[in-house]
């Protein structure tokens, strides 16, 4: 091992635990990327880097898959064997709902141009 480099933690010996950990990691990364994409679209449209039609189309392509993610997470939660896994899935599902709402509030702001709608989005 190279000095200063950490060794990656050993994978869980239980394949189901490894699968659960992987699903959680990938889900968290996906949701964070969705959050970043929504913000980048909002900023890009505000700076007129995206036209109206393009911004709405890209936002839809970012937010629409959240419905499928929600359904899949619900199935994973139903299969979870531990309370910790069920809680983690519950937090992920809650985050999906927040991201969906953030996307909807951004569209509401784009539709109305109302400062109160912008504040709700923020």
N, C-alpha and C. Protein backbone atom coordinates (compact mmCIF):
# COMPACT_ATOMS: atom_id res chain seq x y z
N UNK A 1 0.84 -1.18 0.00
CA UNK A 1 0.00 0.00 0.00
C UNK A 1 0.88 1.24 0.00
N UNK A 2 0.51 2.22 -0.80
CA UNK A 2 1.25 3.46 -0.91
C UNK A 2 1.05 4.29 0.35
N UNK A 3 2.13 4.88 0.91
CA UNK A 3 1.96 5.72 2.09
C UNK A 3 0.96 6.84 1.82
N UNK A 4 0.13 7.12 2.80
CA UNK A 4 -0.85 8.18 2.69
C UNK A 4 -2.15 7.77 2.02
N UNK A 5 -2.19 6.57 1.46
CA UNK A 5 -3.42 6.10 0.82
C UNK A 5 -4.12 5.14 1.76
N UNK A 6 -5.39 5.29 1.88
CA UNK A 6 -6.18 4.41 2.73
C UNK A 6 -6.62 3.20 1.94
N UNK A 7 -6.72 2.12 2.62
CA UNK A 7 -7.23 0.91 2.00
C UNK A 7 -8.75 0.97 2.06
N UNK A 8 -9.38 0.59 0.97
CA UNK A 8 -10.84 0.56 0.93
C UNK A 8 -11.34 -0.47 1.94
N UNK A 9 -12.48 -0.19 2.59
CA UNK A 9 -13.00 -1.17 3.54
C UNK A 9 -13.32 -2.48 2.83
N UNK A 10 -13.13 -3.55 3.56
CA UNK A 10 -13.42 -4.87 2.99
C UNK A 10 -14.91 -4.97 2.71
N UNK A 11 -15.29 -5.57 1.59
CA UNK A 11 -16.72 -5.72 1.31
C UNK A 11 -17.35 -6.65 2.34
N UNK A 12 -18.62 -6.44 2.61
CA UNK A 12 -19.29 -7.31 3.57
C UNK A 12 -19.22 -8.76 3.09
N UNK A 13 -19.10 -9.69 4.04
CA UNK A 13 -19.02 -11.10 3.66
C UNK A 13 -20.37 -11.63 3.20
N UNK A 14 -21.45 -11.00 3.60
CA UNK A 14 -22.79 -11.41 3.21
C UNK A 14 -23.14 -10.73 1.88
N UNK A 15 -23.37 -11.50 0.82
CA UNK A 15 -23.68 -10.88 -0.49
C UNK A 15 -24.91 -9.98 -0.45
N UNK A 16 -25.91 -10.34 0.34
CA UNK A 16 -27.11 -9.49 0.44
C UNK A 16 -26.77 -8.15 1.08
N UNK A 17 -25.92 -8.18 2.09
CA UNK A 17 -25.50 -6.93 2.74
C UNK A 17 -24.70 -6.08 1.76
N UNK A 18 -23.87 -6.72 0.95
CA UNK A 18 -23.10 -5.98 -0.05
C UNK A 18 -24.03 -5.35 -1.09
N UNK A 19 -25.04 -6.09 -1.50
CA UNK A 19 -26.02 -5.56 -2.45
C UNK A 19 -26.76 -4.37 -1.84
N UNK A 20 -27.19 -4.50 -0.61
CA UNK A 20 -27.90 -3.42 0.07
C UNK A 20 -27.03 -2.17 0.18
N UNK A 21 -25.77 -2.38 0.53
CA UNK A 21 -24.84 -1.26 0.65
C UNK A 21 -24.63 -0.58 -0.71
N UNK A 22 -24.51 -1.37 -1.76
CA UNK A 22 -24.31 -0.83 -3.10
C UNK A 22 -25.54 -0.06 -3.57
N UNK A 23 -26.72 -0.61 -3.35
CA UNK A 23 -27.95 0.09 -3.73
C UNK A 23 -28.04 1.42 -2.98
N UNK A 24 -27.71 1.43 -1.70
CA UNK A 24 -27.76 2.66 -0.93
C UNK A 24 -26.77 3.70 -1.43
N UNK A 25 -25.56 3.25 -1.72
CA UNK A 25 -24.53 4.17 -2.23
C UNK A 25 -24.94 4.77 -3.57
N UNK A 26 -25.34 3.91 -4.50
CA UNK A 26 -25.73 4.40 -5.82
C UNK A 26 -26.97 5.30 -5.76
N UNK A 27 -27.91 4.95 -4.91
CA UNK A 27 -29.11 5.78 -4.76
C UNK A 27 -28.74 7.16 -4.24
N UNK A 28 -27.90 7.19 -3.22
CA UNK A 28 -27.49 8.48 -2.65
C UNK A 28 -26.77 9.34 -3.68
N UNK A 29 -25.87 8.72 -4.44
CA UNK A 29 -25.15 9.47 -5.47
C UNK A 29 -26.10 9.98 -6.55
N UNK A 30 -27.05 9.14 -6.97
CA UNK A 30 -28.02 9.55 -7.98
C UNK A 30 -28.86 10.73 -7.49
N UNK A 31 -29.32 10.66 -6.25
CA UNK A 31 -30.16 11.73 -5.73
C UNK A 31 -29.36 13.03 -5.59
N UNK A 32 -28.10 12.93 -5.18
CA UNK A 32 -27.27 14.12 -5.09
C UNK A 32 -27.05 14.73 -6.48
N UNK A 33 -26.82 13.89 -7.48
CA UNK A 33 -26.64 14.37 -8.85
C UNK A 33 -27.92 15.04 -9.35
N UNK A 34 -29.06 14.48 -9.00
CA UNK A 34 -30.34 15.09 -9.38
C UNK A 34 -30.47 16.49 -8.77
N UNK A 35 -30.11 16.60 -7.49
CA UNK A 35 -30.13 17.89 -6.80
C UNK A 35 -29.23 18.90 -7.52
N UNK A 36 -28.03 18.47 -7.88
CA UNK A 36 -27.10 19.36 -8.58
C UNK A 36 -27.66 19.77 -9.94
N UNK A 37 -28.24 18.80 -10.67
CA UNK A 37 -28.78 19.10 -11.99
C UNK A 37 -29.91 20.12 -11.93
N UNK A 38 -30.79 19.98 -10.96
CA UNK A 38 -31.90 20.95 -10.82
C UNK A 38 -31.32 22.34 -10.59
N UNK A 39 -30.36 22.44 -9.70
CA UNK A 39 -29.75 23.74 -9.42
C UNK A 39 -29.02 24.33 -10.61
N UNK A 40 -28.29 23.48 -11.34
CA UNK A 40 -27.58 23.96 -12.52
C UNK A 40 -28.54 24.44 -13.59
N UNK A 41 -29.65 23.74 -13.75
CA UNK A 41 -30.66 24.18 -14.73
C UNK A 41 -31.27 25.52 -14.32
N UNK A 42 -31.59 25.65 -13.05
CA UNK A 42 -32.16 26.91 -12.57
C UNK A 42 -31.20 28.06 -12.81
N UNK A 43 -29.93 27.84 -12.46
CA UNK A 43 -28.92 28.89 -12.66
C UNK A 43 -28.70 29.17 -14.15
N UNK A 44 -28.63 28.11 -14.95
CA UNK A 44 -28.41 28.29 -16.38
C UNK A 44 -29.53 29.05 -17.06
N UNK A 45 -30.76 28.76 -16.66
CA UNK A 45 -31.89 29.48 -17.25
C UNK A 45 -31.90 30.93 -16.77
N UNK A 46 -31.59 31.15 -15.49
CA UNK A 46 -31.56 32.51 -14.96
C UNK A 46 -30.51 33.36 -15.68
N UNK A 47 -29.41 32.72 -16.07
CA UNK A 47 -28.33 33.43 -16.77
C UNK A 47 -28.51 33.41 -18.29
N UNK A 48 -29.67 32.89 -18.73
CA UNK A 48 -30.03 32.81 -20.15
C UNK A 48 -29.07 31.93 -20.96
N UNK A 49 -28.53 30.90 -20.30
CA UNK A 49 -27.70 29.93 -21.01
C UNK A 49 -28.56 28.85 -21.66
N UNK A 50 -29.77 28.70 -21.13
CA UNK A 50 -30.75 27.76 -21.70
C UNK A 50 -31.97 28.55 -22.12
N UNK A 51 -32.54 28.21 -23.27
CA UNK A 51 -33.81 28.83 -23.60
C UNK A 51 -34.92 28.10 -22.85
N UNK A 52 -36.09 28.67 -22.89
CA UNK A 52 -37.23 28.16 -22.12
C UNK A 52 -37.53 26.70 -22.43
N UNK A 53 -37.65 26.39 -23.70
CA UNK A 53 -38.03 25.04 -24.10
C UNK A 53 -36.97 24.02 -23.69
N UNK A 54 -35.71 24.33 -23.91
CA UNK A 54 -34.62 23.41 -23.58
C UNK A 54 -34.55 23.19 -22.07
N UNK A 55 -34.66 24.26 -21.30
CA UNK A 55 -34.58 24.13 -19.84
C UNK A 55 -35.70 23.24 -19.30
N UNK A 56 -36.90 23.43 -19.81
CA UNK A 56 -38.03 22.62 -19.35
C UNK A 56 -37.85 21.15 -19.76
N UNK A 57 -37.35 20.92 -20.95
CA UNK A 57 -37.15 19.55 -21.42
C UNK A 57 -36.09 18.84 -20.58
N UNK A 58 -35.00 19.52 -20.31
CA UNK A 58 -33.94 18.90 -19.51
C UNK A 58 -34.42 18.68 -18.08
N UNK A 59 -35.14 19.65 -17.52
CA UNK A 59 -35.66 19.46 -16.17
C UNK A 59 -36.59 18.26 -16.11
N UNK A 60 -37.44 18.11 -17.09
CA UNK A 60 -38.34 16.94 -17.13
C UNK A 60 -37.53 15.65 -17.20
N UNK A 61 -36.44 15.66 -17.95
CA UNK A 61 -35.62 14.45 -18.07
C UNK A 61 -34.90 14.12 -16.76
N UNK A 62 -34.74 15.12 -15.91
CA UNK A 62 -34.09 14.92 -14.61
C UNK A 62 -35.11 14.49 -13.55
N UNK A 63 -36.30 15.08 -13.58
CA UNK A 63 -37.29 14.85 -12.53
C UNK A 63 -38.17 13.63 -12.81
N UNK A 64 -38.52 13.38 -14.05
CA UNK A 64 -39.43 12.28 -14.38
C UNK A 64 -38.94 10.92 -13.88
N UNK A 65 -37.65 10.58 -14.00
CA UNK A 65 -37.21 9.27 -13.51
C UNK A 65 -37.37 9.08 -12.00
N UNK A 66 -37.60 10.16 -11.27
CA UNK A 66 -37.78 10.03 -9.82
C UNK A 66 -39.00 9.16 -9.48
N UNK A 67 -40.01 9.15 -10.35
CA UNK A 67 -41.17 8.29 -10.11
C UNK A 67 -40.76 6.82 -10.10
N UNK A 68 -39.95 6.42 -11.07
CA UNK A 68 -39.48 5.03 -11.13
C UNK A 68 -38.55 4.73 -9.96
N UNK A 69 -37.71 5.68 -9.60
CA UNK A 69 -36.81 5.49 -8.46
C UNK A 69 -37.63 5.28 -7.19
N UNK A 70 -38.67 6.07 -7.02
CA UNK A 70 -39.55 5.93 -5.84
C UNK A 70 -40.16 4.53 -5.79
N UNK A 71 -40.66 4.05 -6.90
CA UNK A 71 -41.27 2.71 -6.94
C UNK A 71 -40.24 1.63 -6.61
N UNK A 72 -39.06 1.75 -7.16
CA UNK A 72 -38.02 0.75 -6.90
C UNK A 72 -37.59 0.78 -5.44
N UNK A 73 -37.44 1.96 -4.88
CA UNK A 73 -37.06 2.06 -3.47
C UNK A 73 -38.15 1.50 -2.57
N UNK A 74 -39.40 1.69 -2.93
CA UNK A 74 -40.49 1.10 -2.14
C UNK A 74 -40.37 -0.42 -2.13
N UNK A 75 -40.03 -1.00 -3.27
CA UNK A 75 -39.85 -2.45 -3.32
C UNK A 75 -38.65 -2.90 -2.50
N UNK A 76 -37.57 -2.15 -2.58
CA UNK A 76 -36.38 -2.48 -1.79
C UNK A 76 -36.70 -2.37 -0.30
N UNK A 77 -37.44 -1.35 0.08
CA UNK A 77 -37.82 -1.17 1.48
C UNK A 77 -38.65 -2.33 1.99
N UNK A 78 -39.53 -2.83 1.15
CA UNK A 78 -40.37 -3.97 1.55
C UNK A 78 -39.54 -5.24 1.73
N UNK A 79 -38.42 -5.33 1.04
CA UNK A 79 -37.56 -6.52 1.15
C UNK A 79 -36.49 -6.37 2.23
N UNK A 80 -36.33 -5.17 2.77
CA UNK A 80 -35.26 -4.92 3.74
C UNK A 80 -35.42 -5.84 4.95
N UNK A 81 -34.31 -6.38 5.38
CA UNK A 81 -34.33 -7.34 6.49
C UNK A 81 -34.07 -6.70 7.85
N UNK A 82 -33.47 -5.52 7.85
CA UNK A 82 -33.15 -4.89 9.13
C UNK A 82 -33.85 -3.55 9.25
N UNK A 83 -34.03 -3.14 10.47
CA UNK A 83 -34.65 -1.83 10.72
C UNK A 83 -33.77 -0.71 10.17
N UNK A 84 -32.46 -0.87 10.28
CA UNK A 84 -31.54 0.14 9.74
C UNK A 84 -31.69 0.30 8.24
N UNK A 85 -31.83 -0.82 7.54
CA UNK A 85 -32.03 -0.75 6.08
C UNK A 85 -33.37 -0.13 5.75
N UNK A 86 -34.41 -0.47 6.49
CA UNK A 86 -35.73 0.13 6.25
C UNK A 86 -35.68 1.63 6.49
N UNK A 87 -34.99 2.05 7.54
CA UNK A 87 -34.85 3.49 7.83
C UNK A 87 -34.09 4.20 6.72
N UNK A 88 -33.01 3.57 6.24
CA UNK A 88 -32.20 4.18 5.18
C UNK A 88 -33.04 4.34 3.91
N UNK A 89 -33.81 3.33 3.56
CA UNK A 89 -34.66 3.41 2.38
C UNK A 89 -35.72 4.49 2.59
N UNK A 90 -36.24 4.59 3.79
CA UNK A 90 -37.22 5.64 4.09
C UNK A 90 -36.63 7.03 3.89
N UNK A 91 -35.38 7.22 4.30
CA UNK A 91 -34.73 8.53 4.11
C UNK A 91 -34.50 8.81 2.63
N UNK A 92 -34.11 7.78 1.88
CA UNK A 92 -33.94 7.96 0.44
C UNK A 92 -35.26 8.33 -0.23
N UNK A 93 -36.32 7.64 0.15
CA UNK A 93 -37.64 7.93 -0.44
C UNK A 93 -38.09 9.35 -0.09
N UNK A 94 -37.81 9.78 1.13
CA UNK A 94 -38.14 11.14 1.55
C UNK A 94 -37.39 12.15 0.67
N UNK A 95 -36.12 11.87 0.40
CA UNK A 95 -35.31 12.75 -0.44
C UNK A 95 -35.86 12.79 -1.86
N UNK A 96 -36.31 11.65 -2.38
CA UNK A 96 -36.94 11.63 -3.71
C UNK A 96 -38.12 12.60 -3.73
N UNK A 97 -38.95 12.56 -2.70
CA UNK A 97 -40.10 13.46 -2.63
C UNK A 97 -39.69 14.92 -2.59
N UNK A 98 -38.63 15.22 -1.84
CA UNK A 98 -38.15 16.60 -1.77
C UNK A 98 -37.63 17.08 -3.13
N UNK A 99 -36.91 16.21 -3.83
CA UNK A 99 -36.39 16.59 -5.15
C UNK A 99 -37.52 16.77 -6.16
N UNK A 100 -38.50 15.90 -6.09
CA UNK A 100 -39.66 16.03 -6.99
C UNK A 100 -40.35 17.38 -6.73
N UNK A 101 -40.54 17.70 -5.45
CA UNK A 101 -41.18 18.97 -5.10
C UNK A 101 -40.33 20.15 -5.52
N UNK A 102 -39.00 20.06 -5.39
CA UNK A 102 -38.13 21.14 -5.81
C UNK A 102 -38.27 21.38 -7.31
N UNK A 103 -38.32 20.31 -8.09
CA UNK A 103 -38.51 20.45 -9.53
C UNK A 103 -39.84 21.09 -9.86
N UNK A 104 -40.90 20.68 -9.15
CA UNK A 104 -42.22 21.26 -9.39
C UNK A 104 -42.24 22.74 -9.03
N UNK A 105 -41.58 23.08 -7.94
CA UNK A 105 -41.56 24.48 -7.52
C UNK A 105 -40.74 25.34 -8.49
N UNK A 106 -39.71 24.74 -9.08
CA UNK A 106 -38.95 25.49 -10.09
C UNK A 106 -39.83 25.77 -11.31
N UNK A 107 -40.58 24.78 -11.75
CA UNK A 107 -41.49 24.98 -12.87
C UNK A 107 -42.54 26.04 -12.52
N UNK A 108 -43.07 25.99 -11.30
CA UNK A 108 -44.04 27.01 -10.87
C UNK A 108 -43.44 28.40 -10.94
N UNK A 109 -42.20 28.53 -10.51
CA UNK A 109 -41.51 29.82 -10.57
C UNK A 109 -41.31 30.26 -12.01
N UNK A 110 -40.88 29.33 -12.87
CA UNK A 110 -40.71 29.68 -14.28
C UNK A 110 -42.03 30.11 -14.90
N UNK A 111 -43.13 29.46 -14.49
CA UNK A 111 -44.45 29.81 -15.05
C UNK A 111 -44.93 31.17 -14.58
N UNK A 112 -44.74 31.45 -13.29
CA UNK A 112 -45.33 32.66 -12.70
C UNK A 112 -44.39 33.87 -12.69
N UNK A 113 -43.09 33.61 -12.61
CA UNK A 113 -42.08 34.66 -12.43
C UNK A 113 -42.31 35.43 -11.13
N UNK A 114 -43.04 34.83 -10.21
CA UNK A 114 -43.40 35.43 -8.94
C UNK A 114 -42.27 35.17 -7.93
N UNK A 115 -41.86 36.22 -7.22
CA UNK A 115 -40.77 36.09 -6.25
C UNK A 115 -41.08 35.10 -5.15
N UNK A 116 -42.36 35.01 -4.74
CA UNK A 116 -42.73 34.05 -3.70
C UNK A 116 -42.54 32.62 -4.18
N UNK A 117 -42.85 32.37 -5.45
CA UNK A 117 -42.61 31.04 -6.01
C UNK A 117 -41.12 30.75 -6.10
N UNK A 118 -40.34 31.77 -6.42
CA UNK A 118 -38.88 31.62 -6.45
C UNK A 118 -38.34 31.30 -5.07
N UNK A 119 -38.89 31.94 -4.05
CA UNK A 119 -38.45 31.67 -2.68
C UNK A 119 -38.80 30.25 -2.26
N UNK A 120 -39.98 29.76 -2.67
CA UNK A 120 -40.36 28.39 -2.36
C UNK A 120 -39.42 27.40 -3.03
N UNK A 121 -39.03 27.70 -4.27
CA UNK A 121 -38.07 26.84 -4.94
C UNK A 121 -36.75 26.82 -4.17
N UNK A 122 -36.28 27.99 -3.81
CA UNK A 122 -35.00 28.10 -3.08
C UNK A 122 -35.08 27.38 -1.76
